Amino acid sequence: MGIIKVISSKEDLPLCLDVIHASYLDRDKKLGISDNSHLHSSLSLDELISMFNEGIKMYGYYLDDVLVAFLSFKEREDEVKIKDIVVLPNYQNNGIGKIMIDYVKNYANKVNKKIVLKMIYENESLRKWYEKNGFKLKEIIDYPTSKVGRMEFERSDINDCK
């Protein structure tokens, strides 16, 4: 059984970045994405530190003291925006992502806010996973190299997904 821990020190960020890169590079490979300059697979340590300094909430999921998943989100006036929710490829399809998304749902419920996120629209399996977890596609945004879906989870939907 794993545990979710707050990332409370900048010293933990290089390991978090390794998890982010490994997860997104695996996704990019599966989707055939080669130009990832606008995606988090090209996120630098300085950018992650900047996010940390801005107060973006960061959490790790640990199995036997090994970081296998990373979650970050930003609380805004009327919403909680998920920045990243990634699981290392070798640990995917074991319920860890669901644990992380439920963590955000519980947080959003406590602060009485909806949850929003953006994801690569072409990633159909991930989009379906979010839909299975109660998210609804609200908008498709066209970028030069990909389409991004903006999804929402309304606070009123929390009880529907338990």
N, C-alpha and C. Protein backbone atom coordinates (compact mmCIF):
# COMPACT_ATOMS: atom_id res chain seq x y z
N MET A 1 0.85 -1.19 0.00
CA MET A 1 0.00 0.00 0.00
C MET A 1 0.88 1.23 0.00
N GLY A 2 0.54 2.18 -0.81
CA GLY A 2 1.33 3.40 -0.92
C GLY A 2 0.79 4.51 -0.04
N ILE A 3 1.49 5.63 -0.11
CA ILE A 3 1.11 6.80 0.69
C ILE A 3 1.34 8.07 -0.13
N ILE A 4 0.43 9.02 0.03
CA ILE A 4 0.59 10.33 -0.59
C ILE A 4 1.26 11.25 0.41
N LYS A 5 2.33 11.91 -0.05
CA LYS A 5 3.05 12.85 0.80
C LYS A 5 3.15 14.20 0.10
N VAL A 6 3.08 15.25 0.90
CA VAL A 6 3.29 16.60 0.39
C VAL A 6 4.74 16.75 -0.02
N ILE A 7 4.97 17.35 -1.18
CA ILE A 7 6.34 17.71 -1.59
C ILE A 7 6.60 19.07 -0.95
N SER A 8 7.36 19.06 0.12
CA SER A 8 7.52 20.28 0.92
C SER A 8 8.92 20.88 0.83
N SER A 9 9.79 20.25 0.08
CA SER A 9 11.16 20.72 -0.01
C SER A 9 11.62 20.77 -1.47
N LYS A 10 12.34 21.81 -1.80
CA LYS A 10 12.89 21.93 -3.16
C LYS A 10 13.86 20.79 -3.46
N GLU A 11 14.44 20.21 -2.44
CA GLU A 11 15.38 19.10 -2.64
C GLU A 11 14.68 17.88 -3.25
N ASP A 12 13.36 17.77 -3.09
CA ASP A 12 12.61 16.64 -3.65
C ASP A 12 12.26 16.84 -5.13
N LEU A 13 12.42 18.06 -5.62
CA LEU A 13 11.95 18.38 -6.98
C LEU A 13 12.71 17.66 -8.10
N PRO A 14 14.03 17.44 -8.02
CA PRO A 14 14.68 16.69 -9.11
C PRO A 14 14.09 15.29 -9.31
N LEU A 15 13.77 14.61 -8.21
CA LEU A 15 13.16 13.28 -8.32
C LEU A 15 11.74 13.39 -8.90
N CYS A 16 11.02 14.42 -8.49
CA CYS A 16 9.68 14.66 -9.06
C CYS A 16 9.79 14.89 -10.56
N LEU A 17 10.79 15.66 -10.97
CA LEU A 17 10.99 15.95 -12.38
C LEU A 17 11.29 14.68 -13.16
N ASP A 18 12.05 13.77 -12.57
CA ASP A 18 12.32 12.48 -13.22
C ASP A 18 11.03 11.71 -13.49
N VAL A 19 10.12 11.72 -12.50
CA VAL A 19 8.83 11.04 -12.66
C VAL A 19 8.00 11.72 -13.75
N ILE A 20 7.98 13.05 -13.73
CA ILE A 20 7.24 13.82 -14.74
C ILE A 20 7.77 13.49 -16.13
N HIS A 21 9.08 13.58 -16.31
CA HIS A 21 9.67 13.33 -17.63
C HIS A 21 9.42 11.90 -18.10
N ALA A 22 9.65 10.92 -17.24
CA ALA A 22 9.46 9.52 -17.64
C ALA A 22 8.01 9.26 -18.05
N SER A 23 7.08 9.82 -17.30
CA SER A 23 5.66 9.60 -17.59
C SER A 23 5.24 10.27 -18.89
N TYR A 24 5.64 11.54 -19.06
CA TYR A 24 5.24 12.25 -20.28
C TYR A 24 5.98 11.75 -21.52
N LEU A 25 7.22 11.37 -21.37
CA LEU A 25 7.93 10.83 -22.53
C LEU A 25 7.31 9.52 -22.99
N ASP A 26 6.87 8.70 -22.04
CA ASP A 26 6.17 7.47 -22.39
C ASP A 26 4.88 7.79 -23.12
N ARG A 27 4.14 8.78 -22.64
CA ARG A 27 2.90 9.21 -23.30
C ARG A 27 3.19 9.72 -24.71
N ASP A 28 4.21 10.58 -24.83
CA ASP A 28 4.55 11.15 -26.13
C ASP A 28 4.90 10.05 -27.13
N LYS A 29 5.65 9.05 -26.66
CA LYS A 29 6.03 7.94 -27.53
C LYS A 29 4.79 7.17 -27.99
N LYS A 30 3.88 6.90 -27.07
CA LYS A 30 2.66 6.16 -27.41
C LYS A 30 1.79 6.93 -28.40
N LEU A 31 1.80 8.25 -28.29
CA LEU A 31 0.96 9.09 -29.15
C LEU A 31 1.69 9.56 -30.41
N GLY A 32 2.97 9.25 -30.52
CA GLY A 32 3.74 9.67 -31.69
C GLY A 32 4.02 11.17 -31.71
N ILE A 33 4.16 11.76 -30.53
CA ILE A 33 4.43 13.20 -30.44
C ILE A 33 5.93 13.40 -30.43
N SER A 34 6.42 14.20 -31.37
CA SER A 34 7.85 14.49 -31.40
C SER A 34 8.15 15.93 -31.02
N ASP A 35 7.23 16.85 -31.30
CA ASP A 35 7.42 18.25 -30.91
C ASP A 35 6.69 18.46 -29.59
N ASN A 36 7.42 18.31 -28.49
CA ASN A 36 6.79 18.43 -27.18
C ASN A 36 7.21 19.71 -26.47
N SER A 37 7.61 20.72 -27.22
CA SER A 37 8.13 21.94 -26.61
C SER A 37 7.10 22.67 -25.76
N HIS A 38 5.82 22.45 -26.03
CA HIS A 38 4.78 23.13 -25.25
C HIS A 38 4.22 22.22 -24.16
N LEU A 39 4.79 21.04 -24.00
CA LEU A 39 4.27 20.07 -23.06
C LEU A 39 5.22 19.89 -21.87
N HIS A 40 4.72 19.26 -20.81
CA HIS A 40 5.54 19.11 -19.61
C HIS A 40 6.66 18.09 -19.75
N SER A 41 6.70 17.36 -20.86
CA SER A 41 7.83 16.45 -21.04
C SER A 41 9.12 17.24 -21.25
N SER A 42 9.01 18.54 -21.55
CA SER A 42 10.20 19.39 -21.69
C SER A 42 10.36 20.34 -20.51
N LEU A 43 9.62 20.12 -19.43
CA LEU A 43 9.68 20.95 -18.23
C LEU A 43 11.09 20.90 -17.64
N SER A 44 11.62 22.07 -17.26
CA SER A 44 12.96 22.13 -16.67
C SER A 44 12.85 22.17 -15.14
N LEU A 45 13.94 21.89 -14.49
CA LEU A 45 13.98 21.96 -13.03
C LEU A 45 13.70 23.39 -12.57
N ASP A 46 14.23 24.38 -13.27
CA ASP A 46 13.97 25.77 -12.91
C ASP A 46 12.48 26.09 -12.99
N GLU A 47 11.81 25.57 -14.02
CA GLU A 47 10.37 25.80 -14.15
C GLU A 47 9.59 25.12 -13.02
N LEU A 48 10.02 23.92 -12.65
CA LEU A 48 9.36 23.21 -11.55
C LEU A 48 9.59 23.95 -10.23
N ILE A 49 10.79 24.46 -10.02
CA ILE A 49 11.08 25.24 -8.82
C ILE A 49 10.22 26.50 -8.80
N SER A 50 10.08 27.14 -9.95
CA SER A 50 9.23 28.33 -10.05
C SER A 50 7.79 28.00 -9.68
N MET A 51 7.28 26.86 -10.15
CA MET A 51 5.93 26.43 -9.80
C MET A 51 5.83 26.21 -8.29
N PHE A 52 6.83 25.59 -7.72
CA PHE A 52 6.88 25.34 -6.27
C PHE A 52 6.84 26.67 -5.51
N ASN A 53 7.66 27.63 -5.97
CA ASN A 53 7.72 28.94 -5.32
C ASN A 53 6.42 29.73 -5.46
N GLU A 54 5.68 29.47 -6.54
CA GLU A 54 4.39 30.14 -6.76
C GLU A 54 3.29 29.57 -5.87
N GLY A 55 3.59 28.52 -5.16
CA GLY A 55 2.60 27.93 -4.26
C GLY A 55 1.74 26.85 -4.87
N ILE A 56 2.14 26.36 -6.04
CA ILE A 56 1.41 25.23 -6.62
C ILE A 56 1.59 24.04 -5.69
N LYS A 57 0.49 23.41 -5.34
CA LYS A 57 0.53 22.29 -4.40
C LYS A 57 1.08 21.06 -5.13
N MET A 58 2.01 20.38 -4.49
CA MET A 58 2.66 19.22 -5.09
C MET A 58 2.66 18.06 -4.11
N TYR A 59 2.37 16.88 -4.68
CA TYR A 59 2.28 15.66 -3.87
C TYR A 59 2.95 14.52 -4.61
N GLY A 60 3.49 13.60 -3.85
CA GLY A 60 4.06 12.40 -4.42
C GLY A 60 3.35 11.18 -3.87
N TYR A 61 3.28 10.16 -4.68
CA TYR A 61 2.75 8.88 -4.23
C TYR A 61 3.94 7.94 -4.13
N TYR A 62 4.13 7.39 -2.93
CA TYR A 62 5.29 6.57 -2.64
C TYR A 62 4.89 5.13 -2.35
N LEU A 63 5.60 4.22 -2.95
CA LEU A 63 5.50 2.80 -2.63
C LEU A 63 6.84 2.39 -2.05
N ASP A 64 6.84 1.94 -0.81
CA ASP A 64 8.10 1.54 -0.15
C ASP A 64 9.16 2.63 -0.30
N ASP A 65 8.78 3.86 -0.02
CA ASP A 65 9.68 5.02 -0.07
C ASP A 65 10.21 5.33 -1.47
N VAL A 66 9.60 4.77 -2.50
CA VAL A 66 9.98 5.07 -3.88
C VAL A 66 8.88 5.93 -4.50
N LEU A 67 9.25 7.09 -5.03
CA LEU A 67 8.29 7.97 -5.68
C LEU A 67 7.88 7.36 -7.02
N VAL A 68 6.59 7.05 -7.17
CA VAL A 68 6.11 6.43 -8.40
C VAL A 68 5.05 7.27 -9.11
N ALA A 69 4.57 8.34 -8.45
CA ALA A 69 3.56 9.19 -9.08
C ALA A 69 3.71 10.61 -8.52
N PHE A 70 3.25 11.57 -9.30
CA PHE A 70 3.35 12.98 -8.94
C PHE A 70 2.05 13.68 -9.30
N LEU A 71 1.62 14.56 -8.42
CA LEU A 71 0.40 15.34 -8.60
C LEU A 71 0.71 16.78 -8.26
N SER A 72 0.25 17.70 -9.12
CA SER A 72 0.35 19.12 -8.78
C SER A 72 -0.93 19.81 -9.22
N PHE A 73 -1.34 20.77 -8.42
CA PHE A 73 -2.52 21.55 -8.77
C PHE A 73 -2.43 22.92 -8.14
N LYS A 74 -3.18 23.84 -8.74
CA LYS A 74 -3.19 25.22 -8.29
C LYS A 74 -4.61 25.58 -7.90
N GLU A 75 -4.75 26.12 -6.72
CA GLU A 75 -6.06 26.58 -6.28
C GLU A 75 -6.27 28.00 -6.76
N ARG A 76 -7.35 28.20 -7.48
CA ARG A 76 -7.73 29.52 -7.97
C ARG A 76 -8.98 29.98 -7.24
N GLU A 77 -9.46 31.15 -7.61
CA GLU A 77 -10.62 31.71 -6.91
C GLU A 77 -11.83 30.78 -6.91
N ASP A 78 -12.15 30.21 -8.06
CA ASP A 78 -13.36 29.38 -8.15
C ASP A 78 -13.10 27.95 -8.61
N GLU A 79 -11.82 27.56 -8.67
CA GLU A 79 -11.52 26.22 -9.19
C GLU A 79 -10.17 25.73 -8.67
N VAL A 80 -10.00 24.43 -8.80
CA VAL A 80 -8.72 23.77 -8.56
C VAL A 80 -8.26 23.27 -9.91
N LYS A 81 -7.11 23.76 -10.38
CA LYS A 81 -6.61 23.38 -11.70
C LYS A 81 -5.49 22.36 -11.56
N ILE A 82 -5.73 21.16 -12.07
CA ILE A 82 -4.70 20.12 -12.07
C ILE A 82 -3.65 20.50 -13.10
N LYS A 83 -2.40 20.58 -12.66
CA LYS A 83 -1.30 20.85 -13.58
C LYS A 83 -0.72 19.53 -14.10
N ASP A 84 -0.46 18.61 -13.18
CA ASP A 84 0.11 17.31 -13.53
C ASP A 84 -0.50 16.23 -12.66
N ILE A 85 -0.76 15.11 -13.27
CA ILE A 85 -1.06 13.89 -12.53
C ILE A 85 -0.43 12.78 -13.37
N VAL A 86 0.70 12.28 -12.92
CA VAL A 86 1.48 11.33 -13.70
C VAL A 86 1.90 10.14 -12.83
N VAL A 87 1.93 8.99 -13.46
CA VAL A 87 2.36 7.76 -12.81
C VAL A 87 3.44 7.14 -13.68
N LEU A 88 4.51 6.69 -13.06
CA LEU A 88 5.57 6.04 -13.84
C LEU A 88 4.98 4.88 -14.65
N PRO A 89 5.46 4.71 -15.89
CA PRO A 89 4.89 3.68 -16.77
C PRO A 89 4.79 2.30 -16.15
N ASN A 90 5.79 1.86 -15.40
CA ASN A 90 5.77 0.51 -14.82
C ASN A 90 4.75 0.36 -13.70
N TYR A 91 4.18 1.46 -13.23
CA TYR A 91 3.21 1.42 -12.13
C TYR A 91 1.80 1.80 -12.57
N GLN A 92 1.62 2.06 -13.86
CA GLN A 92 0.30 2.44 -14.37
C GLN A 92 -0.63 1.23 -14.38
N ASN A 93 -1.93 1.54 -14.41
CA ASN A 93 -2.99 0.52 -14.43
C ASN A 93 -3.06 -0.30 -13.15
N ASN A 94 -2.66 0.33 -12.04
CA ASN A 94 -2.73 -0.32 -10.73
C ASN A 94 -3.54 0.49 -9.73
N GLY A 95 -4.29 1.49 -10.20
CA GLY A 95 -5.14 2.26 -9.31
C GLY A 95 -4.50 3.48 -8.68
N ILE A 96 -3.22 3.73 -8.97
CA ILE A 96 -2.53 4.87 -8.35
C ILE A 96 -3.09 6.18 -8.87
N GLY A 97 -3.35 6.27 -10.16
CA GLY A 97 -3.94 7.49 -10.72
C GLY A 97 -5.28 7.79 -10.08
N LYS A 98 -6.10 6.77 -9.86
CA LYS A 98 -7.40 6.94 -9.21
C LYS A 98 -7.23 7.46 -7.79
N ILE A 99 -6.26 6.95 -7.09
CA ILE A 99 -5.99 7.44 -5.73
C ILE A 99 -5.63 8.92 -5.78
N MET A 100 -4.80 9.29 -6.74
CA MET A 100 -4.38 10.69 -6.86
C MET A 100 -5.55 11.59 -7.25
N ILE A 101 -6.39 11.14 -8.19
CA ILE A 101 -7.52 11.97 -8.62
C ILE A 101 -8.54 12.09 -7.49
N ASP A 102 -8.72 11.02 -6.72
CA ASP A 102 -9.63 11.09 -5.56
C ASP A 102 -9.11 12.07 -4.51
N TYR A 103 -7.79 12.14 -4.39
CA TYR A 103 -7.19 13.10 -3.45
C TYR A 103 -7.57 14.52 -3.85
N VAL A 104 -7.48 14.83 -5.15
CA VAL A 104 -7.85 16.16 -5.63
C VAL A 104 -9.35 16.40 -5.43
N LYS A 105 -10.17 15.39 -5.71
CA LYS A 105 -11.61 15.54 -5.52
C LYS A 105 -11.94 15.87 -4.07
N ASN A 106 -11.30 15.17 -3.14
CA ASN A 106 -11.54 15.44 -1.72
C ASN A 106 -11.10 16.85 -1.35
N TYR A 107 -9.96 17.28 -1.88
CA TYR A 107 -9.47 18.63 -1.62
C TYR A 107 -10.47 19.66 -2.16
N ALA A 108 -10.89 19.47 -3.41
CA ALA A 108 -11.83 20.42 -4.04
C ALA A 108 -13.15 20.46 -3.29
N ASN A 109 -13.58 19.33 -2.80
CA ASN A 109 -14.82 19.28 -2.03
C ASN A 109 -14.69 20.11 -0.76
N LYS A 110 -13.56 19.99 -0.08
CA LYS A 110 -13.34 20.74 1.17
C LYS A 110 -13.32 22.24 0.94
N VAL A 111 -12.78 22.68 -0.22
CA VAL A 111 -12.69 24.12 -0.49
C VAL A 111 -13.85 24.59 -1.37
N ASN A 112 -14.78 23.67 -1.68
CA ASN A 112 -16.01 24.00 -2.40
C ASN A 112 -15.73 24.58 -3.79
N LYS A 113 -14.88 23.88 -4.57
CA LYS A 113 -14.51 24.35 -5.91
C LYS A 113 -14.56 23.21 -6.92
N LYS A 114 -14.79 23.57 -8.17
CA LYS A 114 -14.74 22.58 -9.24
C LYS A 114 -13.27 22.31 -9.59
N ILE A 115 -13.05 21.22 -10.32
CA ILE A 115 -11.71 20.85 -10.76
C ILE A 115 -11.65 21.01 -12.28
N VAL A 116 -10.57 21.58 -12.77
CA VAL A 116 -10.35 21.72 -14.21
C VAL A 116 -8.98 21.16 -14.58
N LEU A 117 -8.85 20.74 -15.82
CA LEU A 117 -7.56 20.26 -16.31
C LEU A 117 -7.55 20.35 -17.82
N LYS A 118 -6.37 20.31 -18.38
CA LYS A 118 -6.20 20.21 -19.82
C LYS A 118 -5.36 18.97 -20.10
N MET A 119 -5.72 18.29 -21.20
CA MET A 119 -4.98 17.10 -21.59
C MET A 119 -4.98 16.98 -23.10
N ILE A 120 -4.02 16.25 -23.63
CA ILE A 120 -3.94 16.07 -25.07
C ILE A 120 -5.19 15.32 -25.53
N TYR A 121 -5.96 15.96 -26.38
CA TYR A 121 -7.25 15.42 -26.81
C TYR A 121 -7.09 14.07 -27.51
N GLU A 122 -6.03 13.91 -28.29
CA GLU A 122 -5.82 12.68 -29.02
C GLU A 122 -5.54 11.48 -28.13
N ASN A 123 -5.24 11.72 -26.86
CA ASN A 123 -4.98 10.64 -25.92
C ASN A 123 -6.33 10.07 -25.45
N GLU A 124 -6.94 9.29 -26.34
CA GLU A 124 -8.29 8.81 -26.10
C GLU A 124 -8.42 7.97 -24.83
N SER A 125 -7.44 7.13 -24.55
CA SER A 125 -7.54 6.28 -23.36
C SER A 125 -7.51 7.14 -22.08
N LEU A 126 -6.70 8.18 -22.06
CA LEU A 126 -6.66 9.05 -20.89
C LEU A 126 -7.95 9.86 -20.77
N ARG A 127 -8.43 10.35 -21.91
CA ARG A 127 -9.68 11.11 -21.90
C ARG A 127 -10.82 10.24 -21.36
N LYS A 128 -10.88 9.00 -21.80
CA LYS A 128 -11.92 8.08 -21.31
C LYS A 128 -11.73 7.79 -19.82
N TRP A 129 -10.48 7.71 -19.38
CA TRP A 129 -10.21 7.49 -17.96
C TRP A 129 -10.74 8.65 -17.13
N TYR A 130 -10.47 9.88 -17.59
CA TYR A 130 -11.00 11.04 -16.87
C TYR A 130 -12.53 11.03 -16.89
N GLU A 131 -13.12 10.70 -18.01
CA GLU A 131 -14.59 10.64 -18.09
C GLU A 131 -15.13 9.59 -17.13
N LYS A 132 -14.48 8.45 -17.05
CA LYS A 132 -14.88 7.40 -16.12
C LYS A 132 -14.81 7.90 -14.68
N ASN A 133 -13.91 8.83 -14.44
CA ASN A 133 -13.75 9.40 -13.10
C ASN A 133 -14.55 10.69 -12.91
N GLY A 134 -15.53 10.91 -13.79
CA GLY A 134 -16.49 11.99 -13.58
C GLY A 134 -16.21 13.30 -14.27
N PHE A 135 -15.13 13.39 -15.04
CA PHE A 135 -14.82 14.63 -15.75
C PHE A 135 -15.61 14.71 -17.04
N LYS A 136 -15.93 15.94 -17.42
CA LYS A 136 -16.66 16.17 -18.67
C LYS A 136 -15.84 17.08 -19.57
N LEU A 137 -15.77 16.71 -20.84
CA LEU A 137 -15.07 17.52 -21.83
C LEU A 137 -15.89 18.79 -22.08
N LYS A 138 -15.26 19.94 -21.88
CA LYS A 138 -15.95 21.22 -22.03
C LYS A 138 -15.53 21.98 -23.27
N GLU A 139 -14.30 21.72 -23.75
CA GLU A 139 -13.79 22.50 -24.87
C GLU A 139 -12.62 21.76 -25.50
N ILE A 140 -12.46 21.93 -26.81
CA ILE A 140 -11.28 21.43 -27.52
C ILE A 140 -10.54 22.64 -28.06
N ILE A 141 -9.27 22.75 -27.70
CA ILE A 141 -8.45 23.89 -28.09
C ILE A 141 -7.44 23.41 -29.13
N ASP A 142 -7.38 24.09 -30.27
CA ASP A 142 -6.44 23.75 -31.33
C ASP A 142 -5.12 24.49 -31.14
N TYR A 143 -4.03 23.74 -31.04
CA TYR A 143 -2.68 24.29 -31.02
C TYR A 143 -2.00 23.86 -32.32
N PRO A 144 -0.90 24.49 -32.68
CA PRO A 144 -0.24 24.12 -33.95
C PRO A 144 0.14 22.64 -34.05
N THR A 145 0.51 22.01 -32.94
CA THR A 145 0.99 20.63 -33.01
C THR A 145 0.03 19.61 -32.41
N SER A 146 -1.03 20.06 -31.74
CA SER A 146 -1.97 19.11 -31.14
C SER A 146 -3.26 19.81 -30.75
N LYS A 147 -4.23 18.99 -30.37
CA LYS A 147 -5.48 19.50 -29.81
C LYS A 147 -5.46 19.19 -28.31
N VAL A 148 -5.97 20.14 -27.53
CA VAL A 148 -6.02 19.97 -26.09
C VAL A 148 -7.47 20.03 -25.65
N GLY A 149 -7.86 19.06 -24.84
CA GLY A 149 -9.21 19.06 -24.28
C GLY A 149 -9.20 19.69 -22.91
N ARG A 150 -10.14 20.60 -22.68
CA ARG A 150 -10.32 21.17 -21.34
C ARG A 150 -11.47 20.42 -20.69
N MET A 151 -11.19 19.83 -19.54
CA MET A 151 -12.18 19.01 -18.85
C MET A 151 -12.48 19.60 -17.48
N GLU A 152 -13.69 19.32 -17.00
CA GLU A 152 -14.11 19.82 -15.69
C GLU A 152 -14.77 18.71 -14.90
N PHE A 153 -14.61 18.84 -13.61
CA PHE A 153 -15.32 17.99 -12.65
C PHE A 153 -16.02 18.94 -11.70
N GLU A 154 -17.33 18.96 -11.78
CA GLU A 154 -18.11 19.85 -10.91
C GLU A 154 -18.17 19.27 -9.51
N ARG A 155 -18.14 20.13 -8.54
CA ARG A 155 -18.21 19.70 -7.14
C ARG A 155 -19.45 18.84 -6.90
N SER A 156 -20.55 19.18 -7.57
CA SER A 156 -21.80 18.41 -7.39
C SER A 156 -21.66 16.98 -7.89
N ASP A 157 -20.62 16.72 -8.71
CA ASP A 157 -20.41 15.38 -9.25
C ASP A 157 -19.66 14.47 -8.29
N ILE A 158 -19.15 15.00 -7.20
CA ILE A 158 -18.28 14.22 -6.31
C ILE A 158 -19.00 12.99 -5.77
N ASN A 159 -20.22 13.14 -5.31
CA ASN A 159 -20.93 11.99 -4.75
C ASN A 159 -21.28 10.96 -5.82
N ASP A 160 -21.38 11.38 -7.08
CA ASP A 160 -21.71 10.45 -8.16
C ASP A 160 -20.59 9.47 -8.46
N CYS A 161 -19.35 9.79 -8.07
CA CYS A 161 -18.19 8.99 -8.46
C CYS A 161 -17.59 8.20 -7.32
N LYS A 162 -18.21 8.14 -6.20
CA LYS A 162 -17.64 7.41 -5.07
C LYS A 162 -17.98 5.94 -5.16
